[in-house]
Amino acid sequence: MPIRPATAAELPVLQDIERAAGEAFRALGMDAVADDEPPAEEQLERFRRAGRAWVAADEDDVPLAYLLSEPVMYAPGPPVAYAEHIEQVTVHPRAARRGLGRVLIEHLADRAGARGGTALTLTTFADVPWNAPYYARIGFRPLPDAALPPALEEIRAHEARLGLDRWPRLCMCRPLAPRPA
């Protein structure tokens, strides 16, 4: 399935994907997560304009999944190491279990590696089956809180202010293979 940049006209579709995918959290007693509003169009537009909003679309070119990312300093230099942080990766439930999330993540890994990125990072719910256990299956490993770089500490602090720490959360990292110079 081809991956392409999201368009401005598709931002409401991305919000719909987020709402639909959020419903699965109700079965885990995480209604607050299910009820949480998706990112605002202005926020999605910021990612889109920066070239950091990607979609996987169906045969009619309608998005079924999306990924948002942003660069974060992963290790001070020299040389400075940067990671591409997955802010959000979401698949519409009707397209679940087709590998769309993984394809989006691999697309990001290729792009980040080509730009000198050393890792992919993300934050996630530790005990949600389609969160941390899934990411572990595709090569992500937990980062101990004591070892978080400042950029990830800041992201985690923001999530705590949003109330996401009501459920166990963690940062995960997947190193990227070095690219030849």
N, C-alpha and C. Protein backbone atom coordinates (compact mmCIF):
# COMPACT_ATOMS: atom_id res chain seq x y z
N MET A 1 0.85 -1.18 0.00
CA MET A 1 0.00 0.00 0.00
C MET A 1 0.89 1.24 0.00
N PRO A 2 0.64 2.14 -0.93
CA PRO A 2 1.50 3.33 -0.98
C PRO A 2 1.25 4.27 0.19
N ILE A 3 2.33 4.88 0.62
CA ILE A 3 2.28 5.88 1.68
C ILE A 3 2.52 7.22 1.00
N ARG A 4 1.77 8.23 1.39
CA ARG A 4 1.93 9.55 0.81
C ARG A 4 1.66 10.61 1.86
N PRO A 5 2.08 11.85 1.58
CA PRO A 5 1.78 12.92 2.52
C PRO A 5 0.28 13.17 2.61
N ALA A 6 -0.18 13.54 3.77
CA ALA A 6 -1.58 13.92 3.96
C ALA A 6 -1.82 15.26 3.26
N THR A 7 -3.03 15.45 2.78
CA THR A 7 -3.41 16.73 2.19
C THR A 7 -4.21 17.53 3.21
N ALA A 8 -4.29 18.83 2.99
CA ALA A 8 -5.06 19.70 3.90
C ALA A 8 -6.53 19.27 3.93
N ALA A 9 -7.07 18.87 2.79
CA ALA A 9 -8.48 18.48 2.74
C ALA A 9 -8.77 17.22 3.53
N GLU A 10 -7.74 16.40 3.79
CA GLU A 10 -7.93 15.13 4.50
C GLU A 10 -7.85 15.25 6.02
N LEU A 11 -7.52 16.39 6.55
CA LEU A 11 -7.35 16.51 8.00
C LEU A 11 -8.60 16.10 8.78
N PRO A 12 -9.82 16.46 8.32
CA PRO A 12 -11.01 15.95 9.03
C PRO A 12 -11.12 14.42 8.97
N VAL A 13 -10.64 13.82 7.90
CA VAL A 13 -10.66 12.35 7.79
C VAL A 13 -9.72 11.76 8.84
N LEU A 14 -8.57 12.38 9.05
CA LEU A 14 -7.65 11.90 10.08
C LEU A 14 -8.30 11.98 11.45
N GLN A 15 -9.03 13.04 11.71
CA GLN A 15 -9.76 13.15 12.97
C GLN A 15 -10.79 12.03 13.11
N ASP A 16 -11.48 11.71 12.03
CA ASP A 16 -12.46 10.62 12.06
C ASP A 16 -11.79 9.28 12.34
N ILE A 17 -10.62 9.05 11.74
CA ILE A 17 -9.86 7.82 12.00
C ILE A 17 -9.53 7.73 13.48
N GLU A 18 -9.09 8.84 14.06
CA GLU A 18 -8.72 8.87 15.48
C GLU A 18 -9.92 8.56 16.37
N ARG A 19 -11.06 9.17 16.07
CA ARG A 19 -12.27 8.91 16.87
C ARG A 19 -12.67 7.43 16.78
N ALA A 20 -12.67 6.89 15.58
CA ALA A 20 -13.07 5.49 15.39
C ALA A 20 -12.12 4.55 16.12
N ALA A 21 -10.83 4.79 16.00
CA ALA A 21 -9.84 3.92 16.66
C ALA A 21 -9.91 4.05 18.17
N GLY A 22 -10.25 5.22 18.66
CA GLY A 22 -10.33 5.43 20.11
C GLY A 22 -11.40 4.60 20.78
N GLU A 23 -12.42 4.21 20.05
CA GLU A 23 -13.52 3.44 20.64
C GLU A 23 -13.04 2.12 21.25
N ALA A 24 -11.97 1.54 20.72
CA ALA A 24 -11.46 0.26 21.24
C ALA A 24 -11.02 0.37 22.70
N PHE A 25 -10.68 1.57 23.16
CA PHE A 25 -10.24 1.75 24.54
C PHE A 25 -11.37 1.55 25.55
N ARG A 26 -12.60 1.67 25.11
CA ARG A 26 -13.74 1.48 26.02
C ARG A 26 -13.75 0.06 26.61
N ALA A 27 -13.39 -0.91 25.79
CA ALA A 27 -13.39 -2.31 26.25
C ALA A 27 -12.37 -2.54 27.35
N LEU A 28 -11.40 -1.63 27.49
CA LEU A 28 -10.37 -1.75 28.53
C LEU A 28 -10.66 -0.86 29.73
N GLY A 29 -11.83 -0.24 29.74
CA GLY A 29 -12.18 0.67 30.83
C GLY A 29 -11.47 2.00 30.73
N MET A 30 -11.01 2.34 29.55
CA MET A 30 -10.29 3.59 29.33
C MET A 30 -11.17 4.58 28.57
N ASP A 31 -12.37 4.80 29.09
CA ASP A 31 -13.33 5.67 28.41
C ASP A 31 -12.79 7.08 28.20
N ALA A 32 -11.98 7.57 29.12
CA ALA A 32 -11.43 8.92 28.96
C ALA A 32 -10.56 9.01 27.71
N VAL A 33 -9.86 7.96 27.39
CA VAL A 33 -9.06 7.95 26.17
C VAL A 33 -9.99 7.91 24.95
N ALA A 34 -11.00 7.07 25.02
CA ALA A 34 -11.96 6.99 23.91
C ALA A 34 -12.68 8.32 23.70
N ASP A 35 -12.96 9.03 24.77
CA ASP A 35 -13.69 10.29 24.68
C ASP A 35 -12.81 11.48 24.32
N ASP A 36 -11.49 11.29 24.38
CA ASP A 36 -10.57 12.38 24.09
C ASP A 36 -10.74 12.84 22.65
N GLU A 37 -10.75 14.13 22.46
CA GLU A 37 -10.87 14.68 21.11
C GLU A 37 -9.59 14.41 20.32
N PRO A 38 -9.72 14.18 19.02
CA PRO A 38 -8.51 14.01 18.20
C PRO A 38 -7.75 15.33 18.10
N PRO A 39 -6.55 15.28 17.58
CA PRO A 39 -5.81 16.54 17.40
C PRO A 39 -6.64 17.53 16.58
N ALA A 40 -6.56 18.79 16.95
CA ALA A 40 -7.27 19.84 16.22
C ALA A 40 -6.71 19.96 14.81
N GLU A 41 -7.55 20.45 13.90
CA GLU A 41 -7.09 20.62 12.52
C GLU A 41 -5.84 21.49 12.46
N GLU A 42 -5.76 22.52 13.31
CA GLU A 42 -4.59 23.40 13.30
C GLU A 42 -3.33 22.63 13.66
N GLN A 43 -3.44 21.72 14.62
CA GLN A 43 -2.29 20.92 15.01
C GLN A 43 -1.90 19.95 13.88
N LEU A 44 -2.90 19.31 13.29
CA LEU A 44 -2.62 18.41 12.17
C LEU A 44 -1.99 19.18 11.01
N GLU A 45 -2.47 20.39 10.79
CA GLU A 45 -1.92 21.20 9.70
C GLU A 45 -0.45 21.55 9.95
N ARG A 46 -0.11 21.77 11.21
CA ARG A 46 1.30 22.05 11.54
C ARG A 46 2.19 20.87 11.13
N PHE A 47 1.75 19.65 11.44
CA PHE A 47 2.52 18.47 11.03
C PHE A 47 2.55 18.35 9.50
N ARG A 48 1.40 18.59 8.88
CA ARG A 48 1.32 18.46 7.42
C ARG A 48 2.25 19.45 6.73
N ARG A 49 2.21 20.70 7.15
CA ARG A 49 3.07 21.72 6.52
C ARG A 49 4.55 21.42 6.72
N ALA A 50 4.88 20.78 7.82
CA ALA A 50 6.28 20.42 8.10
C ALA A 50 6.71 19.16 7.35
N GLY A 51 5.78 18.54 6.61
CA GLY A 51 6.11 17.31 5.89
C GLY A 51 6.20 16.11 6.81
N ARG A 52 5.42 16.13 7.90
CA ARG A 52 5.49 15.07 8.91
C ARG A 52 4.12 14.46 9.21
N ALA A 53 3.26 14.44 8.20
CA ALA A 53 1.94 13.79 8.31
C ALA A 53 1.79 12.89 7.09
N TRP A 54 1.68 11.59 7.35
CA TRP A 54 1.65 10.59 6.29
C TRP A 54 0.38 9.77 6.39
N VAL A 55 -0.12 9.32 5.25
CA VAL A 55 -1.31 8.47 5.24
C VAL A 55 -1.06 7.21 4.43
N ALA A 56 -1.78 6.16 4.81
CA ALA A 56 -1.93 4.96 3.99
C ALA A 56 -3.37 4.99 3.53
N ALA A 57 -3.59 4.94 2.23
CA ALA A 57 -4.93 5.10 1.67
C ALA A 57 -5.40 3.83 0.98
N ASP A 58 -6.72 3.73 0.83
CA ASP A 58 -7.29 2.58 0.14
C ASP A 58 -7.20 2.76 -1.38
N GLU A 59 -7.80 1.83 -2.11
CA GLU A 59 -7.73 1.87 -3.58
C GLU A 59 -8.40 3.10 -4.17
N ASP A 60 -9.30 3.73 -3.41
CA ASP A 60 -9.93 4.98 -3.86
C ASP A 60 -9.19 6.21 -3.34
N ASP A 61 -8.02 6.01 -2.76
CA ASP A 61 -7.16 7.06 -2.22
C ASP A 61 -7.76 7.77 -1.01
N VAL A 62 -8.57 7.05 -0.25
CA VAL A 62 -9.14 7.56 1.00
C VAL A 62 -8.27 7.06 2.15
N PRO A 63 -7.76 7.94 3.00
CA PRO A 63 -6.90 7.50 4.11
C PRO A 63 -7.58 6.50 5.04
N LEU A 64 -6.83 5.44 5.38
CA LEU A 64 -7.27 4.44 6.34
C LEU A 64 -6.43 4.49 7.62
N ALA A 65 -5.26 5.11 7.53
CA ALA A 65 -4.34 5.18 8.65
C ALA A 65 -3.46 6.40 8.46
N TYR A 66 -2.92 6.89 9.57
CA TYR A 66 -2.01 8.03 9.46
C TYR A 66 -0.94 7.98 10.53
N LEU A 67 0.13 8.72 10.27
CA LEU A 67 1.25 8.84 11.19
C LEU A 67 1.69 10.29 11.22
N LEU A 68 1.94 10.79 12.43
CA LEU A 68 2.51 12.12 12.64
C LEU A 68 3.85 11.94 13.34
N SER A 69 4.85 12.73 12.94
CA SER A 69 6.14 12.61 13.60
C SER A 69 6.78 13.98 13.75
N GLU A 70 7.80 14.01 14.61
CA GLU A 70 8.59 15.22 14.77
C GLU A 70 10.00 14.83 15.20
N PRO A 71 10.98 15.61 14.77
CA PRO A 71 12.35 15.29 15.18
C PRO A 71 12.58 15.70 16.63
N VAL A 72 13.35 14.90 17.34
CA VAL A 72 13.74 15.24 18.71
C VAL A 72 15.23 14.95 18.86
N MET A 73 15.90 15.77 19.68
CA MET A 73 17.30 15.48 19.95
C MET A 73 17.33 14.26 20.85
N TYR A 74 18.08 13.28 20.42
CA TYR A 74 18.12 12.03 21.16
C TYR A 74 19.37 11.94 22.04
N ALA A 75 20.46 12.47 21.54
CA ALA A 75 21.71 12.45 22.31
C ALA A 75 22.50 13.69 21.93
N PRO A 76 23.04 14.37 22.93
CA PRO A 76 23.86 15.55 22.62
C PRO A 76 25.13 15.12 21.91
N GLY A 77 25.67 15.98 21.14
CA GLY A 77 26.85 15.65 20.35
C GLY A 77 28.12 16.14 20.99
N PRO A 78 29.18 16.23 20.26
CA PRO A 78 29.14 15.91 18.83
C PRO A 78 29.32 14.42 18.59
N PRO A 79 28.81 13.89 17.51
CA PRO A 79 27.80 14.52 16.69
C PRO A 79 26.45 14.46 17.39
N VAL A 80 25.62 15.43 17.10
CA VAL A 80 24.27 15.44 17.68
C VAL A 80 23.49 14.31 17.03
N ALA A 81 22.83 13.52 17.83
CA ALA A 81 22.00 12.43 17.32
C ALA A 81 20.54 12.85 17.44
N TYR A 82 19.81 12.62 16.38
CA TYR A 82 18.39 12.93 16.47
C TYR A 82 17.57 11.68 16.20
N ALA A 83 16.40 11.68 16.80
CA ALA A 83 15.44 10.61 16.58
C ALA A 83 14.21 11.21 15.94
N GLU A 84 13.47 10.41 15.26
CA GLU A 84 12.18 10.83 14.75
C GLU A 84 11.16 10.26 15.74
N HIS A 85 10.42 11.16 16.37
CA HIS A 85 9.45 10.76 17.39
C HIS A 85 8.08 10.57 16.74
N ILE A 86 7.51 9.40 16.94
CA ILE A 86 6.17 9.13 16.42
C ILE A 86 5.17 9.75 17.40
N GLU A 87 4.61 10.83 16.99
CA GLU A 87 3.63 11.52 17.82
C GLU A 87 2.31 10.75 17.84
N GLN A 88 1.95 10.20 16.71
CA GLN A 88 0.70 9.46 16.61
C GLN A 88 0.77 8.53 15.42
N VAL A 89 0.31 7.32 15.60
CA VAL A 89 0.08 6.41 14.48
C VAL A 89 -1.26 5.74 14.77
N THR A 90 -2.19 5.88 13.85
CA THR A 90 -3.55 5.41 14.09
C THR A 90 -4.09 4.75 12.83
N VAL A 91 -4.76 3.61 13.03
CA VAL A 91 -5.37 2.86 11.93
C VAL A 91 -6.87 2.78 12.20
N HIS A 92 -7.65 3.04 11.18
CA HIS A 92 -9.11 2.91 11.31
C HIS A 92 -9.42 1.44 11.61
N PRO A 93 -10.36 1.18 12.54
CA PRO A 93 -10.68 -0.22 12.88
C PRO A 93 -11.06 -1.09 11.69
N ARG A 94 -11.70 -0.51 10.70
CA ARG A 94 -12.10 -1.34 9.53
C ARG A 94 -10.89 -1.78 8.71
N ALA A 95 -9.72 -1.18 8.96
CA ALA A 95 -8.50 -1.54 8.24
C ALA A 95 -7.47 -2.19 9.16
N ALA A 96 -7.88 -2.53 10.38
CA ALA A 96 -6.95 -3.11 11.35
C ALA A 96 -6.44 -4.46 10.87
N ARG A 97 -5.26 -4.81 11.37
CA ARG A 97 -4.62 -6.11 11.11
C ARG A 97 -4.26 -6.34 9.65
N ARG A 98 -4.00 -5.24 8.94
CA ARG A 98 -3.53 -5.33 7.55
C ARG A 98 -2.09 -4.86 7.43
N GLY A 99 -1.49 -4.48 8.56
CA GLY A 99 -0.10 -4.03 8.55
C GLY A 99 0.09 -2.57 8.19
N LEU A 100 -0.98 -1.79 8.20
CA LEU A 100 -0.87 -0.38 7.79
C LEU A 100 -0.01 0.42 8.77
N GLY A 101 -0.18 0.19 10.06
CA GLY A 101 0.65 0.89 11.04
C GLY A 101 2.11 0.58 10.83
N ARG A 102 2.40 -0.67 10.62
CA ARG A 102 3.80 -1.08 10.41
C ARG A 102 4.37 -0.47 9.13
N VAL A 103 3.58 -0.43 8.07
CA VAL A 103 4.05 0.16 6.81
C VAL A 103 4.35 1.64 7.01
N LEU A 104 3.49 2.34 7.74
CA LEU A 104 3.74 3.76 8.03
C LEU A 104 5.03 3.93 8.85
N ILE A 105 5.22 3.07 9.85
CA ILE A 105 6.42 3.16 10.69
C ILE A 105 7.67 2.85 9.87
N GLU A 106 7.61 1.87 9.00
CA GLU A 106 8.77 1.55 8.15
C GLU A 106 9.08 2.70 7.19
N HIS A 107 8.04 3.34 6.69
CA HIS A 107 8.24 4.51 5.83
C HIS A 107 8.98 5.60 6.60
N LEU A 108 8.55 5.83 7.81
CA LEU A 108 9.21 6.84 8.64
C LEU A 108 10.65 6.43 8.94
N ALA A 109 10.87 5.16 9.24
CA ALA A 109 12.24 4.68 9.53
C ALA A 109 13.15 4.93 8.33
N ASP A 110 12.68 4.64 7.14
CA ASP A 110 13.48 4.87 5.94
C ASP A 110 13.81 6.35 5.76
N ARG A 111 12.81 7.20 5.94
CA ARG A 111 13.03 8.65 5.78
C ARG A 111 13.98 9.18 6.85
N ALA A 112 13.74 8.76 8.10
CA ALA A 112 14.59 9.25 9.19
C ALA A 112 16.03 8.79 9.01
N GLY A 113 16.21 7.52 8.65
CA GLY A 113 17.56 7.01 8.43
C GLY A 113 18.28 7.74 7.32
N ALA A 114 17.55 8.06 6.25
CA ALA A 114 18.15 8.78 5.13
C ALA A 114 18.56 10.20 5.53
N ARG A 115 17.93 10.73 6.55
CA ARG A 115 18.25 12.09 7.02
C ARG A 115 19.23 12.08 8.20
N GLY A 116 19.77 10.93 8.51
CA GLY A 116 20.76 10.85 9.59
C GLY A 116 20.19 10.56 10.96
N GLY A 117 18.92 10.21 11.01
CA GLY A 117 18.32 9.85 12.30
C GLY A 117 18.91 8.58 12.84
N THR A 118 19.01 8.50 14.15
CA THR A 118 19.61 7.32 14.78
C THR A 118 18.58 6.39 15.39
N ALA A 119 17.32 6.87 15.53
CA ALA A 119 16.31 6.05 16.20
C ALA A 119 14.92 6.58 15.89
N LEU A 120 13.94 5.72 16.12
CA LEU A 120 12.55 6.12 16.20
C LEU A 120 12.17 6.03 17.67
N THR A 121 11.39 6.97 18.15
CA THR A 121 10.91 6.92 19.52
C THR A 121 9.40 7.11 19.52
N LEU A 122 8.79 6.71 20.61
CA LEU A 122 7.36 6.93 20.81
C LEU A 122 7.05 6.78 22.28
N THR A 123 5.88 7.25 22.66
CA THR A 123 5.36 6.99 24.00
C THR A 123 4.05 6.24 23.80
N THR A 124 3.73 5.37 24.75
CA THR A 124 2.58 4.50 24.55
C THR A 124 2.07 3.96 25.87
N PHE A 125 0.90 3.37 25.83
CA PHE A 125 0.35 2.68 27.00
C PHE A 125 1.04 1.33 27.14
N ALA A 126 1.55 1.06 28.31
CA ALA A 126 2.32 -0.16 28.55
C ALA A 126 1.49 -1.43 28.47
N ASP A 127 0.23 -1.35 28.91
CA ASP A 127 -0.57 -2.57 29.05
C ASP A 127 -1.67 -2.75 28.01
N VAL A 128 -1.73 -1.89 27.02
CA VAL A 128 -2.74 -2.02 25.96
C VAL A 128 -2.16 -2.92 24.88
N PRO A 129 -2.84 -4.03 24.56
CA PRO A 129 -2.26 -5.02 23.63
C PRO A 129 -1.81 -4.45 22.28
N TRP A 130 -2.53 -3.48 21.75
CA TRP A 130 -2.16 -2.93 20.46
C TRP A 130 -1.23 -1.73 20.60
N ASN A 131 -0.69 -1.52 21.78
CA ASN A 131 0.29 -0.46 22.02
C ASN A 131 1.64 -1.10 22.30
N ALA A 132 2.16 -1.01 23.52
CA ALA A 132 3.53 -1.44 23.81
C ALA A 132 3.84 -2.88 23.33
N PRO A 133 2.97 -3.86 23.57
CA PRO A 133 3.31 -5.20 23.08
C PRO A 133 3.46 -5.26 21.55
N TYR A 134 2.63 -4.52 20.86
CA TYR A 134 2.74 -4.47 19.39
C TYR A 134 4.07 -3.84 18.98
N TYR A 135 4.40 -2.70 19.59
CA TYR A 135 5.64 -2.02 19.23
C TYR A 135 6.86 -2.89 19.55
N ALA A 136 6.79 -3.65 20.62
CA ALA A 136 7.90 -4.55 20.94
C ALA A 136 8.08 -5.60 19.83
N ARG A 137 6.97 -6.07 19.28
CA ARG A 137 7.06 -7.07 18.21
C ARG A 137 7.72 -6.51 16.95
N ILE A 138 7.68 -5.19 16.77
CA ILE A 138 8.29 -4.62 15.56
C ILE A 138 9.60 -3.89 15.87
N GLY A 139 10.23 -4.26 16.97
CA GLY A 139 11.59 -3.82 17.23
C GLY A 139 11.80 -2.68 18.20
N PHE A 140 10.74 -2.16 18.81
CA PHE A 140 10.90 -1.10 19.80
C PHE A 140 11.20 -1.72 21.16
N ARG A 141 12.01 -1.03 21.94
CA ARG A 141 12.35 -1.48 23.29
C ARG A 141 12.07 -0.36 24.28
N PRO A 142 11.62 -0.72 25.48
CA PRO A 142 11.34 0.31 26.50
C PRO A 142 12.60 1.06 26.88
N LEU A 143 12.44 2.35 27.13
CA LEU A 143 13.52 3.18 27.66
C LEU A 143 13.22 3.44 29.13
N PRO A 144 14.15 3.16 30.03
CA PRO A 144 13.92 3.46 31.45
C PRO A 144 13.72 4.97 31.64
N ASP A 145 12.81 5.33 32.52
CA ASP A 145 12.55 6.75 32.77
C ASP A 145 13.83 7.50 33.14
N ALA A 146 14.71 6.85 33.89
CA ALA A 146 15.95 7.50 34.32
C ALA A 146 16.91 7.78 33.16
N ALA A 147 16.69 7.13 32.01
CA ALA A 147 17.60 7.28 30.88
C ALA A 147 17.00 8.12 29.75
N LEU A 148 15.85 8.74 29.98
CA LEU A 148 15.21 9.51 28.91
C LEU A 148 16.00 10.77 28.60
N PRO A 149 16.21 11.04 27.31
CA PRO A 149 16.81 12.32 26.96
C PRO A 149 15.82 13.45 27.29
N PRO A 150 16.30 14.66 27.46
CA PRO A 150 15.42 15.77 27.85
C PRO A 150 14.20 15.94 26.95
N ALA A 151 14.35 15.75 25.65
CA ALA A 151 13.21 15.93 24.76
C ALA A 151 12.08 14.94 25.08
N LEU A 152 12.43 13.71 25.40
CA LEU A 152 11.41 12.72 25.74
C LEU A 152 10.86 12.95 27.14
N GLU A 153 11.69 13.44 28.05
CA GLU A 153 11.18 13.81 29.38
C GLU A 153 10.10 14.89 29.24
N GLU A 154 10.35 15.83 28.36
CA GLU A 154 9.39 16.91 28.13
C GLU A 154 8.08 16.37 27.55
N ILE A 155 8.17 15.46 26.61
CA ILE A 155 6.97 14.85 26.02
C ILE A 155 6.19 14.10 27.10
N ARG A 156 6.88 13.32 27.91
CA ARG A 156 6.21 12.56 28.98
C ARG A 156 5.56 13.51 29.99
N ALA A 157 6.22 14.61 30.33
CA ALA A 157 5.65 15.57 31.27
C ALA A 157 4.38 16.18 30.69
N HIS A 158 4.39 16.48 29.41
CA HIS A 158 3.19 17.02 28.75
C HIS A 158 2.05 16.01 28.81
N GLU A 159 2.36 14.74 28.54
CA GLU A 159 1.33 13.70 28.60
C GLU A 159 0.77 13.56 30.02
N ALA A 160 1.63 13.68 31.02
CA ALA A 160 1.17 13.60 32.41
C ALA A 160 0.20 14.75 32.71
N ARG A 161 0.52 15.95 32.22
CA ARG A 161 -0.38 17.09 32.42
C ARG A 161 -1.73 16.86 31.74
N LEU A 162 -1.74 16.09 30.66
CA LEU A 162 -2.99 15.76 29.98
C LEU A 162 -3.77 14.66 30.67
N GLY A 163 -3.18 14.04 31.69
CA GLY A 163 -3.86 12.98 32.44
C GLY A 163 -3.65 11.59 31.91
N LEU A 164 -2.75 11.41 30.96
CA LEU A 164 -2.54 10.08 30.39
C LEU A 164 -1.85 9.12 31.35
N ASP A 165 -1.24 9.63 32.40
CA ASP A 165 -0.55 8.77 33.36
C ASP A 165 -1.50 8.04 34.31
N ARG A 166 -2.80 8.18 34.09
CA ARG A 166 -3.75 7.37 34.88
C ARG A 166 -3.56 5.89 34.59
N TRP A 167 -2.95 5.60 33.45
CA TRP A 167 -2.64 4.23 33.05
C TRP A 167 -1.13 4.16 32.79
N PRO A 168 -0.51 3.03 33.05
CA PRO A 168 0.95 2.93 32.87
C PRO A 168 1.37 3.27 31.44
N ARG A 169 2.36 4.16 31.35
CA ARG A 169 2.89 4.58 30.06
C ARG A 169 4.40 4.42 30.06
N LEU A 170 4.94 4.36 28.88
CA LEU A 170 6.39 4.27 28.77
C LEU A 170 6.86 4.84 27.45
N CYS A 171 8.13 5.14 27.40
CA CYS A 171 8.80 5.55 26.16
C CYS A 171 9.45 4.30 25.57
N MET A 172 9.44 4.24 24.27
CA MET A 172 10.09 3.13 23.58
C MET A 172 10.97 3.70 22.47
N CYS A 173 11.98 2.92 22.10
CA CYS A 173 12.94 3.34 21.11
C CYS A 173 13.27 2.18 20.18
N ARG A 174 13.46 2.49 18.93
CA ARG A 174 13.94 1.51 17.95
C ARG A 174 15.12 2.12 17.22
N PRO A 175 16.32 1.60 17.47
CA PRO A 175 17.50 2.13 16.78
C PRO A 175 17.36 1.94 15.26
N LEU A 176 17.92 2.88 14.53
CA LEU A 176 17.94 2.77 13.07
C LEU A 176 19.34 2.35 12.64
N ALA A 177 19.39 1.54 11.63
CA ALA A 177 20.69 1.09 11.11
C ALA A 177 21.44 2.29 10.55
N PRO A 178 22.74 2.37 10.81
CA PRO A 178 23.53 3.48 10.26
C PRO A 178 23.49 3.42 8.72
N ARG A 179 23.45 4.58 8.11
CA ARG A 179 23.46 4.68 6.65
C ARG A 179 24.87 5.01 6.18
N PRO A 180 25.27 4.44 5.05
CA PRO A 180 26.61 4.78 4.55
C PRO A 180 26.69 6.26 4.20
N ALA A 181 27.86 6.84 4.45
CA ALA A 181 28.04 8.28 4.17
C ALA A 181 28.22 8.54 2.70
